[in-house]
Amino acid sequence: MLQKGKMVVSAVVLVMFLAGTVPVRALVRDDDHKCEQRIHKAEDKLQNAIRKHGEHSRQAEQRRHELEEARERCHHGDHDHDHR
């Protein structure tokens, strides 16, 4: 009986561990995907500003700054602070 009880406890611990890690991995992948989307959107906005206003325009410089910020947030794992 004691051996069966140990097996049950082990199984419960394993299930709890797996249940806790799977959603975290899914959230990390989702955050990574959202970051990539933000970077892509910022790159598109930069290209549009360059086409409309010129490569060295104030608008293009602003978009470059926003692109750099998006990259920094993603690479430093600060996903939660971007609500755009």
PDB file of N, CA and C in Angstrom:
ATOM      1  N   MET A   1       0.822  -1.202   0.000  1.00  0.00           N
ATOM      2  CA  MET A   1       0.000   0.000   0.000  1.00  0.00           C
ATOM      3  C   MET A   1       0.855   1.252   0.000  1.00  0.00           C
ATOM      4  N   LEU A   2       1.964   1.228   0.735  1.00  0.00           N
ATOM      5  CA  LEU A   2       2.841   2.390   0.810  1.00  0.00           C
ATOM      6  C   LEU A   2       3.448   2.718  -0.551  1.00  0.00           C
ATOM      7  N   GLN A   3       3.817   1.680  -1.301  1.00  0.00           N
ATOM      8  CA  GLN A   3       4.404   1.896  -2.625  1.00  0.00           C
ATOM      9  C   GLN A   3       3.378   2.512  -3.570  1.00  0.00           C
ATOM     10  N   LYS A   4       2.142   2.066  -3.511  1.00  0.00           N
ATOM     11  CA  LYS A   4       1.081   2.605  -4.348  1.00  0.00           C
ATOM     12  C   LYS A   4       0.837   4.080  -4.016  1.00  0.00           C
ATOM     13  N   GLY A   5       0.875   4.422  -2.746  1.00  0.00           N
ATOM     14  CA  GLY A   5       0.700   5.811  -2.321  1.00  0.00           C
ATOM     15  C   GLY A   5       1.811   6.704  -2.847  1.00  0.00           C
ATOM     16  N   LYS A   6       3.048   6.207  -2.845  1.00  0.00           N
ATOM     17  CA  LYS A   6       4.181   6.979  -3.381  1.00  0.00           C
ATOM     18  C   LYS A   6       4.021   7.215  -4.879  1.00  0.00           C
ATOM     19  N   MET A   7       3.517   6.197  -5.573  1.00  0.00           N
ATOM     20  CA  MET A   7       3.311   6.336  -7.009  1.00  0.00           C
ATOM     21  C   MET A   7       2.242   7.387  -7.305  1.00  0.00           C
ATOM     22  N   VAL A   8       1.189   7.374  -6.511  1.00  0.00           N
ATOM     23  CA  VAL A   8       0.107   8.353  -6.705  1.00  0.00           C
ATOM     24  C   VAL A   8       0.628   9.769  -6.446  1.00  0.00           C
ATOM     25  N   VAL A   9       1.377   9.945  -5.376  1.00  0.00           N
ATOM     26  CA  VAL A   9       1.940  11.260  -5.056  1.00  0.00           C
ATOM     27  C   VAL A   9       2.884  11.709  -6.168  1.00  0.00           C
ATOM     28  N   SER A  10       3.714  10.804  -6.643  1.00  0.00           N
ATOM     29  CA  SER A  10       4.643  11.134  -7.732  1.00  0.00           C
ATOM     30  C   SER A  10       3.889  11.550  -8.990  1.00  0.00           C
ATOM     31  N   ALA A  11       2.829  10.821  -9.303  1.00  0.00           N
ATOM     32  CA  ALA A  11       2.034  11.138 -10.486  1.00  0.00           C
ATOM     33  C   ALA A  11       1.378  12.509 -10.356  1.00  0.00           C
ATOM     34  N   VAL A  12       0.850  12.814  -9.183  1.00  0.00           N
ATOM     35  CA  VAL A  12       0.214  14.115  -8.950  1.00  0.00           C
ATOM     36  C   VAL A  12       1.238  15.240  -9.091  1.00  0.00           C
ATOM     37  N   VAL A  13       2.420  15.061  -8.516  1.00  0.00           N
ATOM     38  CA  VAL A  13       3.475  16.084  -8.614  1.00  0.00           C
ATOM     39  C   VAL A  13       3.870  16.288 -10.069  1.00  0.00           C
ATOM     40  N   LEU A  14       4.017  15.205 -10.824  1.00  0.00           N
ATOM     41  CA  LEU A  14       4.393  15.303 -12.228  1.00  0.00           C
ATOM     42  C   LEU A  14       3.332  16.046 -13.036  1.00  0.00           C
ATOM     43  N   VAL A  15       2.081  15.705 -12.820  1.00  0.00           N
ATOM     44  CA  VAL A  15       0.992  16.378 -13.535  1.00  0.00           C
ATOM     45  C   VAL A  15       0.952  17.861 -13.187  1.00  0.00           C
ATOM     46  N   MET A  16       1.135  18.207 -11.933  1.00  0.00           N
ATOM     47  CA  MET A  16       1.130  19.614 -11.527  1.00  0.00           C
ATOM     48  C   MET A  16       2.299  20.359 -12.178  1.00  0.00           C
ATOM     49  N   PHE A  17       3.461  19.725 -12.230  1.00  0.00           N
ATOM     50  CA  PHE A  17       4.624  20.344 -12.855  1.00  0.00           C
ATOM     51  C   PHE A  17       4.374  20.595 -14.339  1.00  0.00           C
ATOM     52  N   LEU A  18       3.885  19.574 -15.032  1.00  0.00           N
ATOM     53  CA  LEU A  18       3.628  19.716 -16.468  1.00  0.00           C
ATOM     54  C   LEU A  18       2.526  20.734 -16.747  1.00  0.00           C
ATOM     55  N   ALA A  19       1.510  20.739 -15.928  1.00  0.00           N
ATOM     56  CA  ALA A  19       0.413  21.694 -16.115  1.00  0.00           C
ATOM     57  C   ALA A  19       0.906  23.125 -15.908  1.00  0.00           C
ATOM     58  N   GLY A  20       1.864  23.316 -15.038  1.00  0.00           N
ATOM     59  CA  GLY A  20       2.392  24.650 -14.781  1.00  0.00           C
ATOM     60  C   GLY A  20       3.349  25.125 -15.845  1.00  0.00           C
ATOM     61  N   THR A  21       4.066  24.236 -16.518  1.00  0.00           N
ATOM     62  CA  THR A  21       5.066  24.663 -17.489  1.00  0.00           C
ATOM     63  C   THR A  21       4.516  24.824 -18.891  1.00  0.00           C
ATOM     64  N   VAL A  22       3.541  24.048 -19.270  1.00  0.00           N
ATOM     65  CA  VAL A  22       3.018  24.121 -20.633  1.00  0.00           C
ATOM     66  C   VAL A  22       2.409  25.492 -20.928  1.00  0.00           C
ATOM     67  N   PRO A  23       1.533  26.028 -20.079  1.00  0.00           N
ATOM     68  CA  PRO A  23       0.988  27.354 -20.372  1.00  0.00           C
ATOM     69  C   PRO A  23       2.062  28.447 -20.411  1.00  0.00           C
ATOM     70  N   VAL A  24       3.081  28.348 -19.588  1.00  0.00           N
ATOM     71  CA  VAL A  24       4.147  29.350 -19.589  1.00  0.00           C
ATOM     72  C   VAL A  24       4.856  29.355 -20.938  1.00  0.00           C
ATOM     73  N   ARG A  25       5.159  28.169 -21.447  1.00  0.00           N
ATOM     74  CA  ARG A  25       5.805  28.087 -22.764  1.00  0.00           C
ATOM     75  C   ARG A  25       4.922  28.687 -23.847  1.00  0.00           C
ATOM     76  N   ALA A  26       3.643  28.428 -23.784  1.00  0.00           N
ATOM     77  CA  ALA A  26       2.722  28.982 -24.776  1.00  0.00           C
ATOM     78  C   ALA A  26       2.688  30.497 -24.685  1.00  0.00           C
ATOM     79  N   LEU A  27       2.701  31.038 -23.482  1.00  0.00           N
ATOM     80  CA  LEU A  27       2.711  32.490 -23.310  1.00  0.00           C
ATOM     81  C   LEU A  27       3.992  33.111 -23.844  1.00  0.00           C
ATOM     82  N   VAL A  28       5.116  32.453 -23.623  1.00  0.00           N
ATOM     83  CA  VAL A  28       6.395  32.970 -24.127  1.00  0.00           C
ATOM     84  C   VAL A  28       6.370  33.003 -25.648  1.00  0.00           C
ATOM     85  N   ARG A  29       5.879  31.938 -26.274  1.00  0.00           N
ATOM     86  CA  ARG A  29       5.798  31.913 -27.740  1.00  0.00           C
ATOM     87  C   ARG A  29       4.873  33.014 -28.235  1.00  0.00           C
ATOM     88  N   ASP A  30       3.766  33.229 -27.541  1.00  0.00           N
ATOM     89  CA  ASP A  30       2.826  34.279 -27.932  1.00  0.00           C
ATOM     90  C   ASP A  30       3.474  35.652 -27.807  1.00  0.00           C
ATOM     91  N   ASP A  31       4.205  35.880 -26.715  1.00  0.00           N
ATOM     92  CA  ASP A  31       4.911  37.151 -26.543  1.00  0.00           C
ATOM     93  C   ASP A  31       5.943  37.353 -27.630  1.00  0.00           C
ATOM     94  N   ASP A  32       6.682  36.304 -27.974  1.00  0.00           N
ATOM     95  CA  ASP A  32       7.681  36.403 -29.037  1.00  0.00           C
ATOM     96  C   ASP A  32       7.027  36.753 -30.358  1.00  0.00           C
ATOM     97  N   HIS A  33       5.897  36.123 -30.627  1.00  0.00           N
ATOM     98  CA  HIS A  33       5.182  36.402 -31.875  1.00  0.00           C
ATOM     99  C   HIS A  33       4.696  37.853 -31.912  1.00  0.00           C
ATOM    100  N   LYS A  34       4.158  38.317 -30.801  1.00  0.00           N
ATOM    101  CA  LYS A  34       3.685  39.704 -30.733  1.00  0.00           C
ATOM    102  C   LYS A  34       4.834  40.680 -30.909  1.00  0.00           C
ATOM    103  N   CYS A  35       5.983  40.353 -30.328  1.00  0.00           N
ATOM    104  CA  CYS A  35       7.159  41.214 -30.490  1.00  0.00           C
ATOM    105  C   CYS A  35       7.565  41.295 -31.957  1.00  0.00           C
ATOM    106  N   GLU A  36       7.610  40.157 -32.598  1.00  0.00           N
ATOM    107  CA  GLU A  36       7.983  40.146 -34.015  1.00  0.00           C
ATOM    108  C   GLU A  36       6.995  40.958 -34.845  1.00  0.00           C
ATOM    109  N   GLN A  37       5.728  40.872 -34.500  1.00  0.00           N
ATOM    110  CA  GLN A  37       4.716  41.661 -35.205  1.00  0.00           C
ATOM    111  C   GLN A  37       4.947  43.158 -34.989  1.00  0.00           C
ATOM    112  N   ARG A  38       5.263  43.549 -33.738  1.00  0.00           N
ATOM    113  CA  ARG A  38       5.513  44.965 -33.448  1.00  0.00           C
ATOM    114  C   ARG A  38       6.724  45.484 -34.218  1.00  0.00           C
ATOM    115  N   ILE A  39       7.767  44.678 -34.257  1.00  0.00           N
ATOM    116  CA  ILE A  39       8.968  45.081 -34.990  1.00  0.00           C
ATOM    117  C   ILE A  39       8.653  45.226 -36.470  1.00  0.00           C
ATOM    118  N   HIS A  40       7.949  44.267 -37.017  1.00  0.00           N
ATOM    119  CA  HIS A  40       7.589  44.323 -38.438  1.00  0.00           C
ATOM    120  C   HIS A  40       6.745  45.566 -38.732  1.00  0.00           C
ATOM    121  N   LYS A  41       5.799  45.856 -37.869  1.00  0.00           N
ATOM    122  CA  LYS A  41       4.939  47.039 -38.048  1.00  0.00           C
ATOM    123  C   LYS A  41       5.768  48.322 -37.980  1.00  0.00           C
ATOM    124  N   ALA A  42       6.703  48.378 -37.036  1.00  0.00           N
ATOM    125  CA  ALA A  42       7.565  49.558 -36.914  1.00  0.00           C
ATOM    126  C   ALA A  42       8.451  49.706 -38.143  1.00  0.00           C
ATOM    127  N   GLU A  43       8.940  48.582 -38.692  1.00  0.00           N
ATOM    128  CA  GLU A  43       9.748  48.640 -39.919  1.00  0.00           C
ATOM    129  C   GLU A  43       8.923  49.165 -41.087  1.00  0.00           C
ATOM    130  N   ASP A  44       7.678  48.702 -41.185  1.00  0.00           N
ATOM    131  CA  ASP A  44       6.791  49.185 -42.248  1.00  0.00           C
ATOM    132  C   ASP A  44       6.540  50.678 -42.121  1.00  0.00           C
ATOM    133  N   LYS A  45       6.311  51.138 -40.889  1.00  0.00           N
ATOM    134  CA  LYS A  45       6.073  52.569 -40.674  1.00  0.00           C
ATOM    135  C   LYS A  45       7.305  53.388 -41.044  1.00  0.00           C
ATOM    136  N   LEU A  46       8.488  52.874 -40.732  1.00  0.00           N
ATOM    137  CA  LEU A  46       9.718  53.569 -41.115  1.00  0.00           C
ATOM    138  C   LEU A  46       9.825  53.665 -42.627  1.00  0.00           C
ATOM    139  N   GLN A  47       9.582  52.572 -43.323  1.00  0.00           N
ATOM    140  CA  GLN A  47       9.669  52.595 -44.789  1.00  0.00           C
ATOM    141  C   GLN A  47       8.652  53.569 -45.386  1.00  0.00           C
ATOM    142  N   ASN A  48       7.460  53.619 -44.836  1.00  0.00           N
ATOM    143  CA  ASN A  48       6.443  54.567 -45.314  1.00  0.00           C
ATOM    144  C   ASN A  48       6.883  56.005 -45.077  1.00  0.00           C
ATOM    145  N   ALA A  49       7.457  56.281 -43.916  1.00  0.00           N
ATOM    146  CA  ALA A  49       7.930  57.640 -43.616  1.00  0.00           C
ATOM    147  C   ALA A  49       9.063  58.032 -44.557  1.00  0.00           C
ATOM    148  N   ILE A  50       9.949  57.111 -44.852  1.00  0.00           N
ATOM    149  CA  ILE A  50      11.052  57.403 -45.782  1.00  0.00           C
ATOM    150  C   ILE A  50      10.498  57.708 -47.168  1.00  0.00           C
ATOM    151  N   ARG A  51       9.539  56.899 -47.634  1.00  0.00           N
ATOM    152  CA  ARG A  51       8.938  57.132 -48.953  1.00  0.00           C
ATOM    153  C   ARG A  51       8.232  58.485 -49.016  1.00  0.00           C
ATOM    154  N   LYS A  52       7.490  58.812 -47.966  1.00  0.00           N
ATOM    155  CA  LYS A  52       6.696  60.043 -47.973  1.00  0.00           C
ATOM    156  C   LYS A  52       7.524  61.302 -47.719  1.00  0.00           C
ATOM    157  N   HIS A  53       8.465  61.215 -46.772  1.00  0.00           N
ATOM    158  CA  HIS A  53       9.108  62.428 -46.278  1.00  0.00           C
ATOM    159  C   HIS A  53      10.616  62.489 -46.516  1.00  0.00           C
ATOM    160  N   GLY A  54      11.205  61.386 -46.941  1.00  0.00           N
ATOM    161  CA  GLY A  54      12.643  61.362 -47.165  1.00  0.00           C
ATOM    162  C   GLY A  54      13.384  60.639 -46.046  1.00  0.00           C
ATOM    163  N   GLU A  55      14.555  60.109 -46.410  1.00  0.00           N
ATOM    164  CA  GLU A  55      15.313  59.272 -45.489  1.00  0.00           C
ATOM    165  C   GLU A  55      15.773  59.999 -44.235  1.00  0.00           C
ATOM    166  N   HIS A  56      16.063  61.275 -44.341  1.00  0.00           N
ATOM    167  CA  HIS A  56      16.594  62.020 -43.195  1.00  0.00           C
ATOM    168  C   HIS A  56      15.573  62.994 -42.608  1.00  0.00           C
ATOM    169  N   SER A  57      14.312  62.763 -42.900  1.00  0.00           N
ATOM    170  CA  SER A  57      13.258  63.646 -42.397  1.00  0.00           C
ATOM    171  C   SER A  57      13.035  63.432 -40.906  1.00  0.00           C
ATOM    172  N   ARG A  58      12.374  64.395 -40.305  1.00  0.00           N
ATOM    173  CA  ARG A  58      12.005  64.286 -38.897  1.00  0.00           C
ATOM    174  C   ARG A  58      11.107  63.079 -38.669  1.00  0.00           C
ATOM    175  N   GLN A  59      10.182  62.843 -39.591  1.00  0.00           N
ATOM    176  CA  GLN A  59       9.257  61.715 -39.462  1.00  0.00           C
ATOM    177  C   GLN A  59       9.994  60.372 -39.518  1.00  0.00           C
ATOM    178  N   ALA A  60      10.955  60.267 -40.441  1.00  0.00           N
ATOM    179  CA  ALA A  60      11.732  59.022 -40.553  1.00  0.00           C
ATOM    180  C   ALA A  60      12.582  58.807 -39.301  1.00  0.00           C
ATOM    181  N   GLU A  61      13.157  59.877 -38.787  1.00  0.00           N
ATOM    182  CA  GLU A  61      13.956  59.754 -37.559  1.00  0.00           C
ATOM    183  C   GLU A  61      13.095  59.296 -36.390  1.00  0.00           C
ATOM    184  N   GLN A  62      11.879  59.811 -36.306  1.00  0.00           N
ATOM    185  CA  GLN A  62      10.956  59.392 -35.249  1.00  0.00           C
ATOM    186  C   GLN A  62      10.622  57.909 -35.384  1.00  0.00           C
ATOM    187  N   ARG A  63      10.361  57.476 -36.610  1.00  0.00           N
ATOM    188  CA  ARG A  63      10.047  56.057 -36.845  1.00  0.00           C
ATOM    189  C   ARG A  63      11.251  55.167 -36.553  1.00  0.00           C
ATOM    190  N   ARG A  64      12.464  55.642 -36.839  1.00  0.00           N
ATOM    191  CA  ARG A  64      13.660  54.869 -36.494  1.00  0.00           C
ATOM    192  C   ARG A  64      13.765  54.697 -34.982  1.00  0.00           C
ATOM    193  N   HIS A  65      13.475  55.773 -34.287  1.00  0.00           N
ATOM    194  CA  HIS A  65      13.502  55.721 -32.826  1.00  0.00           C
ATOM    195  C   HIS A  65      12.470  54.711 -32.310  1.00  0.00           C
ATOM    196  N   GLU A  66      11.269  54.730 -32.850  1.00  0.00           N
ATOM    197  CA  GLU A  66      10.221  53.792 -32.443  1.00  0.00           C
ATOM    198  C   GLU A  66      10.606  52.346 -32.767  1.00  0.00           C
ATOM    199  N   LEU A  67      11.249  52.143 -33.907  1.00  0.00           N
ATOM    200  CA  LEU A  67      11.706  50.799 -34.270  1.00  0.00           C
ATOM    201  C   LEU A  67      12.756  50.311 -33.280  1.00  0.00           C
ATOM    202  N   GLU A  68      13.690  51.178 -32.947  1.00  0.00           N
ATOM    203  CA  GLU A  68      14.727  50.805 -31.977  1.00  0.00           C
ATOM    204  C   GLU A  68      14.108  50.464 -30.616  1.00  0.00           C
ATOM    205  N   GLU A  69      13.113  51.236 -30.191  1.00  0.00           N
ATOM    206  CA  GLU A  69      12.424  50.950 -28.935  1.00  0.00           C
ATOM    207  C   GLU A  69      11.730  49.592 -28.974  1.00  0.00           C
ATOM    208  N   ALA A  70      11.079  49.286 -30.088  1.00  0.00           N
ATOM    209  CA  ALA A  70      10.394  47.994 -30.224  1.00  0.00           C
ATOM    210  C   ALA A  70      11.402  46.858 -30.143  1.00  0.00           C
ATOM    211  N   ARG A  71      12.526  47.017 -30.794  1.00  0.00           N
ATOM    212  CA  ARG A  71      13.564  45.978 -30.753  1.00  0.00           C
ATOM    213  C   ARG A  71      14.131  45.818 -29.346  1.00  0.00           C
ATOM    214  N   GLU A  72      14.363  46.929 -28.685  1.00  0.00           N
ATOM    215  CA  GLU A  72      14.908  46.867 -27.322  1.00  0.00           C
ATOM    216  C   GLU A  72      13.937  46.162 -26.381  1.00  0.00           C
ATOM    217  N   ARG A  73      12.653  46.513 -26.453  1.00  0.00           N
ATOM    218  CA  ARG A  73      11.660  45.878 -25.589  1.00  0.00           C
ATOM    219  C   ARG A  73      11.625  44.369 -25.824  1.00  0.00           C
ATOM    220  N   CYS A  74      11.678  43.974 -27.066  1.00  0.00           N
ATOM    221  CA  CYS A  74      11.601  42.538 -27.373  1.00  0.00           C
ATOM    222  C   CYS A  74      12.860  41.805 -26.943  1.00  0.00           C
ATOM    223  N   HIS A  75      13.993  42.382 -27.175  1.00  0.00           N
ATOM    224  CA  HIS A  75      15.240  41.691 -26.853  1.00  0.00           C
ATOM    225  C   HIS A  75      15.537  41.675 -25.363  1.00  0.00           C
ATOM    226  N   HIS A  76      14.952  42.582 -24.623  1.00  0.00           N
ATOM    227  CA  HIS A  76      15.175  42.608 -23.173  1.00  0.00           C
ATOM    228  C   HIS A  76      14.028  41.988 -22.406  1.00  0.00           C
ATOM    229  N   GLY A  77      13.079  41.411 -23.132  1.00  0.00           N
ATOM    230  CA  GLY A  77      11.997  40.689 -22.473  1.00  0.00           C
ATOM    231  C   GLY A  77      10.990  41.560 -21.772  1.00  0.00           C
ATOM    232  N   ASP A  78      10.904  42.821 -22.149  1.00  0.00           N
ATOM    233  CA  ASP A  78       9.968  43.746 -21.508  1.00  0.00           C
ATOM    234  C   ASP A  78       8.666  43.768 -22.292  1.00  0.00           C
ATOM    235  N   HIS A  79       8.059  42.604 -22.474  1.00  0.00           N
ATOM    236  CA  HIS A  79       6.867  42.488 -23.305  1.00  0.00           C
ATOM    237  C   HIS A  79       5.643  43.126 -22.662  1.00  0.00           C
ATOM    238  N   ASP A  80       5.575  43.091 -21.359  1.00  0.00           N
ATOM    239  CA  ASP A  80       4.364  43.514 -20.666  1.00  0.00           C
ATOM    240  C   ASP A  80       4.148  45.024 -20.664  1.00  0.00           C
ATOM    241  N   HIS A  81       5.163  45.791 -20.967  1.00  0.00           N
ATOM    242  CA  HIS A  81       5.035  47.238 -20.855  1.00  0.00           C
ATOM    243  C   HIS A  81       4.678  47.897 -22.165  1.00  0.00           C
ATOM    244  N   ASP A  82       4.424  47.138 -23.194  1.00  0.00           N
ATOM    245  CA  ASP A  82       4.043  47.709 -24.477  1.00  0.00           C
ATOM    246  C   ASP A  82       2.565  47.454 -24.705  1.00  0.00           C
ATOM    247  N   HIS A  83       1.783  48.518 -24.709  1.00  0.00           N
ATOM    248  CA  HIS A  83       0.326  48.370 -24.854  1.00  0.00           C
ATOM    249  C   HIS A  83      -0.171  49.058 -26.101  1.00  0.00           C
ATOM    250  N   ARG A  84       0.591  49.055 -27.194  1.00  0.00           N
ATOM    251  CA  ARG A  84       0.164  49.717 -28.433  1.00  0.00           C
ATOM    252  C   ARG A  84      -0.639  48.809 -29.303  1.00  0.00           C
TER     253      ARG A  84
END
